[in-house]
Amino acid sequence: MKRNIPAMLIAIAVFKLLIALALALGAVGVLQLLRPNADPLLDGFLDKVGFDPQNPYIDVLAISLLDLSHLKIKLISAAALVYSCLFFVEGFGLYFDLKWAELFTVIVTSGFIPFEVYELVVKAHWGKMLVISINTAIVAYLIYRLRQKKFFPVQREIDMDANIP
């Protein structure tokens, strides 16, 4: 039996799964800061990824990460894992075209948009604008699909003068 899932829905599912994977890897990576030898480990990671260790922004980031308390590191990792699970549920639900997945994704994704707008207002950046645009497009597309499926029925005006049996 061949599935007839729109390519856009598959693209959104893959996008959500990639975010979930990145968050899961980030959560595990943040936990590596709990090791006693985290300083050379972080320097080695930054070198492998290709970041310039002389870059002042990278230096501030590395110092900030190394100065976090153990509790904050664990909380950051736990939050990343929770969000990762959320994105995995969205991604797999959309990929398998499950009935609830589109509505779930609309609720979760639209829930992030006000925070993203706030962050954009606080400090405008093209990356933040891109994230808001992608999330808004995802929500709009999924609402369109839900309306096509009659999940969100269009409300009709009721004629109060009509004879109702």
Protein backbone atom coordinates (compact mmCIF):
# COMPACT_ATOMS: atom_id res chain seq x y z
CA MET A 1 0.00 0.00 0.00
CA LYS A 2 1.53 3.25 -1.12
CA ARG A 3 1.27 6.29 1.11
CA ASN A 4 0.18 9.52 -0.47
CA ILE A 5 1.82 12.10 1.79
CA PRO A 6 2.54 15.57 0.39
CA ALA A 7 6.20 16.43 -0.09
CA MET A 8 5.78 19.57 2.03
CA LEU A 9 4.59 17.47 4.97
CA ILE A 10 7.60 15.17 4.58
CA ALA A 11 9.89 18.23 4.42
CA ILE A 12 8.41 19.62 7.64
CA ALA A 13 8.78 16.20 9.30
CA VAL A 14 12.44 15.94 8.26
CA PHE A 15 13.04 19.51 9.46
CA LYS A 16 11.51 18.70 12.86
CA LEU A 17 13.52 15.45 13.11
CA LEU A 18 16.77 17.27 12.30
CA ILE A 19 16.05 19.83 15.02
CA ALA A 20 15.29 16.97 17.44
CA LEU A 21 18.56 15.24 16.58
CA ALA A 22 20.54 18.48 16.99
CA LEU A 23 18.93 19.13 20.38
CA ALA A 24 19.59 15.57 21.56
CA LEU A 25 23.23 15.80 20.50
CA GLY A 26 23.49 19.22 22.13
CA ALA A 27 22.06 17.86 25.37
CA VAL A 28 24.64 15.08 25.44
CA GLY A 29 27.37 17.55 24.50
CA VAL A 30 26.44 19.94 27.30
CA LEU A 31 26.68 17.06 29.78
CA GLN A 32 30.31 16.65 28.73
CA LEU A 33 30.99 19.94 30.54
CA LEU A 34 30.52 18.04 33.81
CA ARG A 35 33.75 16.15 33.20
CA PRO A 36 36.74 17.35 35.19
CA ASN A 37 38.79 17.80 32.00
CA ALA A 38 36.12 19.80 30.13
CA ASP A 39 38.43 22.71 29.20
CA PRO A 40 40.63 20.79 26.71
CA LEU A 41 37.57 18.83 25.55
CA LEU A 42 35.74 22.05 24.64
CA ASP A 43 38.84 23.48 22.92
CA GLY A 44 39.21 20.26 20.89
CA PHE A 45 35.55 20.37 19.88
CA LEU A 46 35.80 24.00 18.78
CA ASP A 47 38.89 23.16 16.71
CA LYS A 48 37.19 20.17 15.03
CA VAL A 49 34.09 22.18 14.20
CA GLY A 50 36.28 24.87 12.67
CA PHE A 51 35.69 27.76 15.05
CA ASP A 52 38.55 30.20 15.42
CA PRO A 53 39.69 30.03 19.07
CA GLN A 54 41.01 33.60 18.75
CA ASN A 55 37.52 34.86 17.92
CA PRO A 56 36.37 36.96 20.92
CA TYR A 57 32.77 35.70 20.63
CA ILE A 58 33.89 32.07 20.77
CA ASP A 59 36.14 32.87 23.70
CA VAL A 60 33.26 34.46 25.64
CA LEU A 61 31.00 31.49 24.79
CA ALA A 62 33.60 28.95 25.95
CA ILE A 63 34.25 30.83 29.20
CA SER A 64 30.50 31.14 29.83
CA LEU A 65 29.97 27.42 29.25
CA LEU A 66 32.83 26.45 31.53
CA ASP A 67 31.60 28.79 34.30
CA LEU A 68 28.14 27.20 34.51
CA SER A 69 27.29 25.40 37.74
CA HIS A 70 26.63 21.66 37.64
CA LEU A 71 22.95 22.29 38.32
CA LYS A 72 22.62 24.73 35.41
CA ILE A 73 24.40 22.32 33.08
CA LYS A 74 22.01 19.53 34.07
CA LEU A 75 18.98 21.81 33.66
CA ILE A 76 20.11 22.97 30.22
CA SER A 77 20.67 19.38 29.16
CA ALA A 78 17.29 18.25 30.53
CA ALA A 79 15.49 21.12 28.78
CA ALA A 80 17.22 20.28 25.50
CA LEU A 81 16.19 16.62 25.88
CA VAL A 82 12.56 17.58 26.59
CA TYR A 83 12.46 19.81 23.51
CA SER A 84 14.18 17.07 21.53
CA CYS A 85 11.47 14.58 22.50
CA LEU A 86 8.81 17.12 21.55
CA PHE A 87 10.34 17.61 18.09
CA PHE A 88 10.78 13.83 17.62
CA VAL A 89 7.07 13.31 18.37
CA GLU A 90 6.15 16.07 15.89
CA GLY A 91 8.51 14.77 13.21
CA PHE A 92 7.50 11.12 13.39
CA GLY A 93 3.82 12.00 13.68
CA LEU A 94 4.00 14.17 10.56
CA TYR A 95 6.13 11.65 8.67
CA PHE A 96 3.61 8.87 9.27
CA ASP A 97 0.72 11.29 8.60
CA LEU A 98 -0.96 10.59 11.91
CA LYS A 99 -4.22 12.46 12.46
CA TRP A 100 -3.19 14.24 15.63
CA ALA A 101 0.31 15.23 14.47
CA GLU A 102 -0.64 18.26 12.40
CA LEU A 103 -2.74 19.80 15.16
CA PHE A 104 -0.05 19.00 17.74
CA THR A 105 2.60 20.65 15.55
CA VAL A 106 0.43 23.73 15.02
CA ILE A 107 -0.08 24.12 18.77
CA VAL A 108 3.57 23.58 19.72
CA THR A 109 5.10 25.60 16.87
CA SER A 110 2.72 28.53 17.23
CA GLY A 111 3.47 28.51 20.95
CA PHE A 112 7.10 29.37 20.21
CA ILE A 113 6.33 32.26 17.84
CA PRO A 114 5.59 34.92 20.52
CA PHE A 115 8.94 34.21 22.21
CA GLU A 116 10.72 34.35 18.87
CA VAL A 117 9.07 37.71 18.07
CA TYR A 118 10.11 39.01 21.49
CA GLU A 119 13.70 37.91 20.86
CA LEU A 120 13.60 39.61 17.46
CA VAL A 121 12.33 42.85 19.03
CA VAL A 122 15.02 42.74 21.72
CA LYS A 123 17.79 42.25 19.19
CA ALA A 124 17.05 42.02 15.49
CA HIS A 125 19.02 39.43 13.57
CA TRP A 126 18.46 37.81 10.18
CA GLY A 127 18.67 34.33 11.74
CA LYS A 128 15.85 35.08 14.14
CA MET A 129 13.77 36.48 11.28
CA LEU A 130 14.42 33.30 9.29
CA VAL A 131 13.30 31.10 12.20
CA ILE A 132 10.09 33.12 12.65
CA SER A 133 9.41 32.97 8.91
CA ILE A 134 9.91 29.19 8.76
CA ASN A 135 7.76 28.55 11.83
CA THR A 136 5.00 30.86 10.60
CA ALA A 137 5.02 29.16 7.19
CA ILE A 138 4.83 25.73 8.85
CA VAL A 139 1.88 26.79 11.02
CA ALA A 140 0.07 28.41 8.06
CA TYR A 141 0.58 25.33 5.85
CA LEU A 142 -0.60 22.92 8.53
CA ILE A 143 -3.67 25.03 9.34
CA TYR A 144 -4.46 25.07 5.61
CA ARG A 145 -4.18 21.25 5.52
CA LEU A 146 -6.34 20.90 8.62
CA ARG A 147 -9.01 23.11 7.07
CA GLN A 148 -8.87 21.06 3.87
CA LYS A 149 -9.49 17.96 5.96
CA LYS A 150 -12.40 19.77 7.63
CA PHE A 151 -10.58 19.52 10.96
CA PHE A 152 -11.25 23.23 11.49
CA PRO A 153 -14.72 23.62 10.03
CA VAL A 154 -15.64 27.03 8.72
CA GLN A 155 -18.32 28.49 10.94
CA ARG A 156 -21.45 29.50 9.12
CA GLU A 157 -23.86 32.12 10.24
CA ILE A 158 -27.07 30.72 11.62
CA ASP A 159 -30.24 32.11 10.13
CA MET A 160 -32.33 32.93 13.17
CA ASP A 161 -35.46 33.37 11.04
CA ALA A 162 -35.32 29.89 9.57
CA ASN A 163 -37.88 27.39 10.76
CA ILE A 164 -36.11 24.73 12.72
CA PRO A 165 -38.11 21.51 13.04
